[in-house]
Structure formats: structure tokens, C-alpha cells
Amino acid sequence: MPTFTALTTLMGEGPAQALGEALETLDVPPTGVGVFEVEDGSGLWEVGGYFLEMPDDIALRLLAAAHDAKPFVVSEVPDQDWVAHVRRELAPVEAGRFFVYGSHDADKVPADKIPLLIEAAMAFGTGHHGTTLGCLLALGDYISEGNIASNVADIGCGTAVLAMAAASVWDKPVLASDIDPVAVEVAEVNAQANQLAEKVICLEAAGFGHEILAKSAPFDLVFANILKGPLLELAPDMAAHVAPGGTAILSGLLIEQAEGITEAYIAEGFSLAHRRDIGEWSALRLLRNNT
């Protein structure tokens, strides 16, 4: 059975969220709605709906006009097994000492790598994206320099691949939080699939806004693979929750955004230990100053 997408863009998170909510009030509502920031520094947000039948063109035009958005572009989605398609396209990723793979590639895990299983159906945050890959490589650098982190948090964890990597290396509990309850559920499933359910503690929270995170601070190491805006907002809290001499590994930012993020964190008492650019993305390893 064919499905349809209706996509548009507009400026600002608030208006985008409002349009996403309005989409759900259509007489024939979408089966799902997505609201995402366009990660090019433009300030644009994309709003999309998935429909089991062709959406009402007039209703979409009225919604777009009412919310100062571009006209919706409606497309038919071919009927196919998307999980099988992703499995074919989603090759394993070697990220330094780590090997990120799906169960369909379990026979390819090298004996000298730390395996991290992420299923194709949960493909965001698999290591294929330059931001996740950059964070895993930054973690590898941190380990190679002789660092040991006994208290770790992964803020905005997504699949929890970074939390699982840290828990696998040090065999210690890691806190993994996300503002999205679906992401928290995915993180829990992934932790269980990697026999890390008792080591990766998954929490629903915005930033550090959970009492378990507050009680567990200060952290030796914190990951935040999110976006420019949330990273900037998080800077003061990051300084408050990372121990003096501790490390923050940040990504989710474009190369042209890296300098601004670095300056914001320097202002909060961090110094830049290393920056790695992969494609159009950048990953930062920042050291919390002792003073």
C-alpha cells in the first residue's frame, strides 16, 4: 500500500512545532509527524507528515499560509521493505577501536574491536554519520592517552551508542539521557541487545534535568552529540556538571559552527583539547579547567 509524505520548511523552532501540531488536526491526520532543524546554520526547520492516503491539498495550502511556511511538497513513497533496504545499505563502521554493526553483519565483527550492535530499524546514531563517528574516534583518543573515566554521561543519547562504547571500555555504569521518550526506549533496547542493560542507565531528561544526573555529578566524561542551539544552551550546565580536569566530547555541529561552540565553552571554563572534522561535521574534545 503506497504512503505519502508532505514536507515544508519555515523559520524558527516555535513556529515549526506549532505547524507540526496543526498537521495532526487535519480531518485525515497523518500517521506520523516530524519536526527537524535543517542543520546548515540557516535557522530553517523542516516539518513533515506521513499519510496512508493522499492528503488534502487545500488543507495543506491553508496550513502553510497560516504558519508562514513554504507550500507543502507532497510525494508518494514507494511500497518496499525499508528495514531490508537499510540493511543492504548500512555497512558496518570501524571507528578506531569500535565496530558498529547490525545483526545481519554479526559474522564480520573483528576479534580486536569492541562490538556495538545497532539494528538497522534504529539507524539514527549508528556511526555512519560524521558526528557519531567523530565522537567515537574522540573517545578512542581519550582512552589512548591513558584516561580512565569512572563517571560518564551521554546527554541526548539517541541510540546510546556512545554510552555503550564507554560502558564497554570501562565496565562501569553510564547514564544515558534523551529528551525524546522514543529515543530512551530505543536506547534501552540497544543496551539490552549488547548485554549492557545493567551498565547503561537510560533516563528521559532535557539536558542534565534529572535528579539522577544531578546526584551523580560531577562527571569525568560527558558526551553531547546534539545540535548547535542545544549545545550553546547547555554550556553553563556542562561547566557545572563536568568535574575540574574532566572532558566533554561534543558534536552535532557543522564545521563552520565549531569555532562559535568552542568560544562559548571556553567562556565557561573549558579549553580545546582536540577538534576533528569529518566531511561537513566537526567533533570537539574539551577539557574542563581546574580553576
Protein backbone atom coordinates (compact mmCIF):
# COMPACT_ATOMS: atom_id res chain seq x y z
CA MET A 1 0.00 0.00 0.00
CA PRO A 2 1.51 3.37 -1.01
CA THR A 3 2.10 6.09 1.54
CA PHE A 4 2.59 9.80 1.06
CA THR A 5 4.80 12.48 2.58
CA ALA A 6 4.05 16.19 2.83
CA LEU A 7 7.09 18.35 3.57
CA THR A 8 7.68 22.05 4.08
CA THR A 9 10.17 24.42 5.70
CA LEU A 10 9.84 27.56 7.79
CA MET A 11 11.93 29.71 10.10
CA GLY A 12 12.20 29.00 13.82
CA GLU A 13 11.61 26.10 16.18
CA GLY A 14 8.46 27.51 17.80
CA PRO A 15 6.57 28.08 14.53
CA ALA A 16 7.74 24.67 13.26
CA GLN A 17 6.46 22.89 16.37
CA ALA A 18 3.15 24.73 16.08
CA LEU A 19 2.78 23.67 12.45
CA GLY A 20 3.62 20.08 13.37
CA GLU A 21 0.83 20.11 15.96
CA ALA A 22 -1.57 21.68 13.46
CA LEU A 23 -0.87 18.89 10.94
CA GLU A 24 -2.25 16.39 13.43
CA THR A 25 -5.63 18.18 13.45
CA LEU A 26 -6.38 17.51 9.75
CA ASP A 27 -9.61 15.64 9.03
CA VAL A 28 -7.49 12.74 7.78
CA PRO A 29 -4.49 13.09 10.13
CA PRO A 30 -1.01 11.84 9.30
CA THR A 31 0.23 8.60 10.81
CA GLY A 32 3.33 10.43 11.96
CA VAL A 33 4.76 13.96 12.11
CA GLY A 34 8.41 15.01 12.17
CA VAL A 35 9.86 18.42 13.07
CA PHE A 36 13.59 18.81 12.47
CA GLU A 37 16.13 21.61 12.31
CA VAL A 38 17.86 21.91 8.94
CA GLU A 39 21.49 21.54 10.00
CA ASP A 40 23.01 24.16 7.73
CA GLY A 41 23.01 27.15 10.08
CA SER A 42 20.13 28.82 8.18
CA GLY A 43 17.61 28.70 11.03
CA LEU A 44 15.16 26.76 8.84
CA TRP A 45 13.12 23.88 10.23
CA GLU A 46 11.52 21.06 8.25
CA VAL A 47 8.03 19.84 9.06
CA GLY A 48 6.70 16.66 7.52
CA GLY A 49 3.75 14.32 7.77
CA TYR A 50 3.30 10.70 6.65
CA PHE A 51 -0.11 9.75 5.26
CA LEU A 52 -1.79 6.48 4.30
CA GLU A 53 -3.75 8.30 1.59
CA MET A 54 -3.21 11.42 -0.49
CA PRO A 55 -3.53 14.40 1.89
CA ASP A 56 -5.95 17.23 1.19
CA ASP A 57 -4.09 19.76 -0.94
CA ILE A 58 -6.30 22.69 0.03
CA ALA A 59 -5.92 21.95 3.75
CA LEU A 60 -2.14 21.79 3.38
CA ARG A 61 -2.07 25.09 1.47
CA LEU A 62 -4.11 26.78 4.18
CA LEU A 63 -1.87 25.38 6.94
CA ALA A 64 1.29 26.52 5.18
CA ALA A 65 -0.09 30.02 4.61
CA ALA A 66 -1.34 30.31 8.20
CA HIS A 67 2.07 29.39 9.60
CA ASP A 68 4.16 31.42 7.13
CA ALA A 69 5.70 28.26 5.68
CA LYS A 70 6.57 27.33 2.13
CA PRO A 71 3.91 25.30 0.29
CA PHE A 72 3.95 21.60 1.19
CA VAL A 73 5.55 19.28 -1.32
CA VAL A 74 3.62 16.01 -1.49
CA SER A 75 5.32 12.84 -2.70
CA GLU A 76 4.30 9.21 -2.96
CA VAL A 77 6.61 6.83 -1.10
CA PRO A 78 7.24 3.53 -2.95
CA ASP A 79 5.99 0.43 -1.15
CA GLN A 80 9.05 -1.54 -0.07
CA ASP A 81 10.68 -3.18 2.92
CA TRP A 82 12.65 -0.23 4.29
CA VAL A 83 14.37 -2.21 7.03
CA ALA A 84 15.66 -4.69 4.45
CA HIS A 85 16.74 -1.78 2.27
CA VAL A 86 18.62 -0.14 5.13
CA ARG A 87 20.28 -3.43 5.98
CA ARG A 88 21.63 -3.66 2.44
CA GLU A 89 22.91 -0.09 2.53
CA LEU A 90 24.08 0.08 6.16
CA ALA A 91 27.56 -1.38 6.09
CA PRO A 92 29.48 -1.87 9.37
CA VAL A 93 31.57 1.05 10.56
CA GLU A 94 35.03 0.84 12.07
CA ALA A 95 35.59 3.79 14.38
CA GLY A 96 39.06 3.28 15.79
CA ARG A 97 38.78 0.56 18.42
CA PHE A 98 34.99 0.30 17.96
CA PHE A 99 32.97 -1.66 15.39
CA VAL A 100 29.36 -0.58 14.88
CA TYR A 101 27.20 -3.14 13.06
CA GLY A 102 23.73 -4.62 12.57
CA SER A 103 22.86 -8.20 13.43
CA HIS A 104 22.94 -9.06 9.72
CA ASP A 105 26.70 -8.40 9.85
CA ALA A 106 27.44 -10.24 13.11
CA ASP A 107 29.85 -12.56 11.29
CA LYS A 108 32.03 -9.59 10.28
CA VAL A 109 32.99 -8.37 13.77
CA PRO A 110 36.82 -8.29 14.03
CA ALA A 111 38.28 -10.04 17.06
CA ASP A 112 40.32 -6.96 18.02
CA LYS A 113 37.42 -4.47 18.02
CA ILE A 114 34.82 -3.56 20.64
CA PRO A 115 31.48 -4.51 19.01
CA LEU A 116 28.46 -2.19 19.26
CA LEU A 117 25.24 -3.65 17.88
CA ILE A 118 22.72 -1.16 16.46
CA GLU A 119 19.84 -2.62 14.47
CA ALA A 120 19.01 -1.21 11.03
CA ALA A 121 15.48 -0.33 12.12
CA MET A 122 17.04 2.05 14.68
CA ALA A 123 19.55 3.58 12.31
CA PHE A 124 19.96 7.09 13.74
CA GLY A 125 23.23 7.28 15.65
CA THR A 126 24.90 4.25 14.11
CA GLY A 127 28.38 5.61 13.47
CA HIS A 128 27.70 6.25 9.79
CA HIS A 129 27.04 9.92 10.45
CA GLY A 130 30.15 12.09 10.79
CA THR A 131 29.04 13.35 14.21
CA THR A 132 28.74 9.91 15.82
CA LEU A 133 31.89 8.69 14.13
CA GLY A 134 33.75 11.78 15.35
CA CYS A 135 32.62 11.18 18.93
CA LEU A 136 33.69 7.53 18.85
CA LEU A 137 37.09 8.49 17.48
CA ALA A 138 37.41 11.21 20.13
CA LEU A 139 36.63 8.61 22.79
CA GLY A 140 39.33 6.40 21.31
CA ASP A 141 41.84 9.25 21.50
CA TYR A 142 40.85 9.91 25.12
CA ILE A 143 41.45 6.26 26.00
CA SER A 144 44.73 6.08 24.08
CA GLU A 145 46.06 8.99 26.15
CA GLY A 146 45.66 6.84 29.26
CA ASN A 147 42.47 8.43 30.60
CA ILE A 148 40.03 6.39 32.67
CA ALA A 149 36.52 7.72 33.29
CA SER A 150 34.61 6.21 36.19
CA ASN A 151 31.63 8.58 35.96
CA VAL A 152 30.21 9.12 32.45
CA ALA A 153 27.05 10.68 30.99
CA ASP A 154 25.70 10.71 27.44
CA ILE A 155 23.37 13.71 27.04
CA GLY A 156 20.99 13.48 24.08
CA CYS A 157 21.97 9.85 23.71
CA GLY A 158 19.82 8.77 20.74
CA THR A 159 20.68 5.09 20.23
CA ALA A 160 23.05 5.27 23.25
CA VAL A 161 25.92 4.09 21.06
CA LEU A 162 28.34 6.45 22.85
CA ALA A 163 27.15 5.39 26.31
CA MET A 164 27.52 1.75 25.29
CA ALA A 165 31.02 2.38 23.98
CA ALA A 166 32.10 3.91 27.30
CA ALA A 167 30.40 1.18 29.35
CA SER A 168 32.11 -1.49 27.23
CA VAL A 169 35.56 0.03 27.74
CA TRP A 170 35.44 0.64 31.49
CA ASP A 171 32.77 -1.86 32.60
CA LYS A 172 31.14 0.82 34.73
CA PRO A 173 27.59 2.24 34.73
CA VAL A 174 26.97 5.10 32.31
CA LEU A 175 23.97 7.46 32.39
CA ALA A 176 22.29 7.95 29.00
CA SER A 177 19.59 10.62 28.74
CA ASP A 178 17.41 11.98 25.97
CA ILE A 179 14.54 14.44 25.81
CA ASP A 180 12.68 12.13 23.40
CA PRO A 181 10.90 9.22 25.13
CA VAL A 182 11.12 7.14 21.93
CA ALA A 183 14.91 7.58 21.91
CA VAL A 184 15.03 6.45 25.54
CA GLU A 185 13.13 3.29 24.61
CA VAL A 186 15.48 2.67 21.68
CA ALA A 187 18.49 3.20 23.95
CA GLU A 188 17.12 0.64 26.42
CA VAL A 189 16.58 -1.92 23.64
CA ASN A 190 20.11 -1.37 22.31
CA ALA A 191 21.65 -1.68 25.77
CA GLN A 192 19.84 -4.96 26.30
CA ALA A 193 20.91 -6.26 22.86
CA ASN A 194 24.53 -5.52 23.78
CA GLN A 195 24.25 -7.18 27.22
CA LEU A 196 24.68 -3.75 28.80
CA ALA A 197 21.23 -3.29 30.35
CA GLU A 198 22.73 -3.10 33.84
CA LYS A 199 25.54 -0.78 32.74
CA VAL A 200 23.67 1.79 30.62
CA ILE A 201 21.02 3.56 32.70
CA CYS A 202 18.58 5.30 30.36
CA LEU A 203 16.76 8.44 31.51
CA GLU A 204 14.23 10.81 29.95
CA ALA A 205 15.55 14.33 30.54
CA ALA A 206 16.22 17.66 28.88
CA GLY A 207 19.93 18.27 29.23
CA PHE A 208 21.03 17.50 32.79
CA GLY A 209 17.48 17.95 34.09
CA HIS A 210 17.08 14.72 36.02
CA GLU A 211 17.73 14.13 39.72
CA ILE A 212 19.86 11.06 38.98
CA LEU A 213 22.12 13.15 36.75
CA ALA A 214 22.27 15.89 39.40
CA LYS A 215 23.16 13.44 42.17
CA SER A 216 25.79 11.72 40.01
CA ALA A 217 27.69 14.89 39.06
CA PRO A 218 30.41 15.91 38.65
CA PHE A 219 31.28 13.68 35.69
CA ASP A 220 34.71 12.70 34.41
CA LEU A 221 33.40 12.49 30.85
CA VAL A 222 30.25 13.79 29.16
CA PHE A 223 29.11 13.23 25.58
CA ALA A 224 26.69 15.64 23.90
CA ASN A 225 26.09 14.78 20.26
CA ILE A 226 23.14 17.09 19.62
CA LEU A 227 22.84 20.39 17.67
CA LYS A 228 24.38 23.86 17.75
CA GLY A 229 21.49 25.54 19.56
CA PRO A 230 21.16 22.99 22.38
CA LEU A 231 24.96 22.83 22.73
CA LEU A 232 25.11 26.58 23.29
CA GLU A 233 22.26 26.43 25.80
CA LEU A 234 23.96 23.53 27.55
CA ALA A 235 27.33 25.25 28.03
CA PRO A 236 26.74 26.64 31.57
CA ASP A 237 25.21 23.35 32.75
CA MET A 238 28.08 21.43 31.17
CA ALA A 239 30.53 23.52 33.18
CA ALA A 240 28.52 22.84 36.33
CA HIS A 241 28.36 19.08 35.78
CA VAL A 242 31.82 18.23 34.40
CA ALA A 243 34.48 17.81 37.08
CA PRO A 244 37.57 20.05 37.03
CA GLY A 245 40.02 18.23 34.77
CA GLY A 246 37.11 16.34 33.18
CA THR A 247 36.28 16.10 29.50
CA ALA A 248 33.32 16.98 27.29
CA ILE A 249 33.04 15.44 23.81
CA LEU A 250 30.67 17.49 21.67
CA SER A 251 29.30 17.09 18.18
CA GLY A 252 26.19 17.56 16.08
CA LEU A 253 27.72 20.75 14.69
CA LEU A 254 28.84 21.81 11.26
CA ILE A 255 32.46 22.79 10.65
CA GLU A 256 31.51 26.46 10.35
CA GLN A 257 29.79 26.25 13.77
CA ALA A 258 32.74 24.68 15.59
CA GLU A 259 34.56 27.92 16.37
CA GLY A 260 31.48 29.54 17.90
CA ILE A 261 30.77 26.50 20.06
CA THR A 262 34.41 26.36 21.16
CA GLU A 263 34.37 30.04 22.16
CA ALA A 264 31.15 29.56 24.15
CA TYR A 265 32.67 26.69 26.12
CA ILE A 266 35.98 28.48 26.65
CA ALA A 267 33.94 31.27 28.24
CA GLU A 268 32.55 28.65 30.65
CA GLY A 269 35.98 27.43 31.73
CA PHE A 270 36.87 24.81 29.11
CA SER A 271 39.87 24.60 26.80
CA LEU A 272 40.03 22.86 23.43
CA ALA A 273 41.99 19.59 23.58
CA HIS A 274 41.26 18.39 20.06
CA ARG A 275 38.99 19.02 17.09
CA ARG A 276 38.26 16.52 14.32
CA ASP A 277 36.43 17.41 11.10
CA ILE A 278 34.75 14.61 9.14
CA GLY A 279 33.01 15.67 5.96
CA GLU A 280 30.97 18.75 6.84
CA TRP A 281 30.82 17.89 10.54
CA SER A 282 33.07 18.64 13.49
CA ALA A 283 33.65 16.91 16.84
CA LEU A 284 35.25 18.72 19.78
CA ARG A 285 37.07 17.31 22.80
CA LEU A 286 37.10 19.94 25.53
CA LEU A 287 38.93 19.91 28.87
CA ARG A 288 37.32 21.47 31.95
CA ASN A 289 39.90 23.75 33.51
CA ASN A 290 40.90 23.17 37.12
CA THR A 291 40.19 26.76 38.12
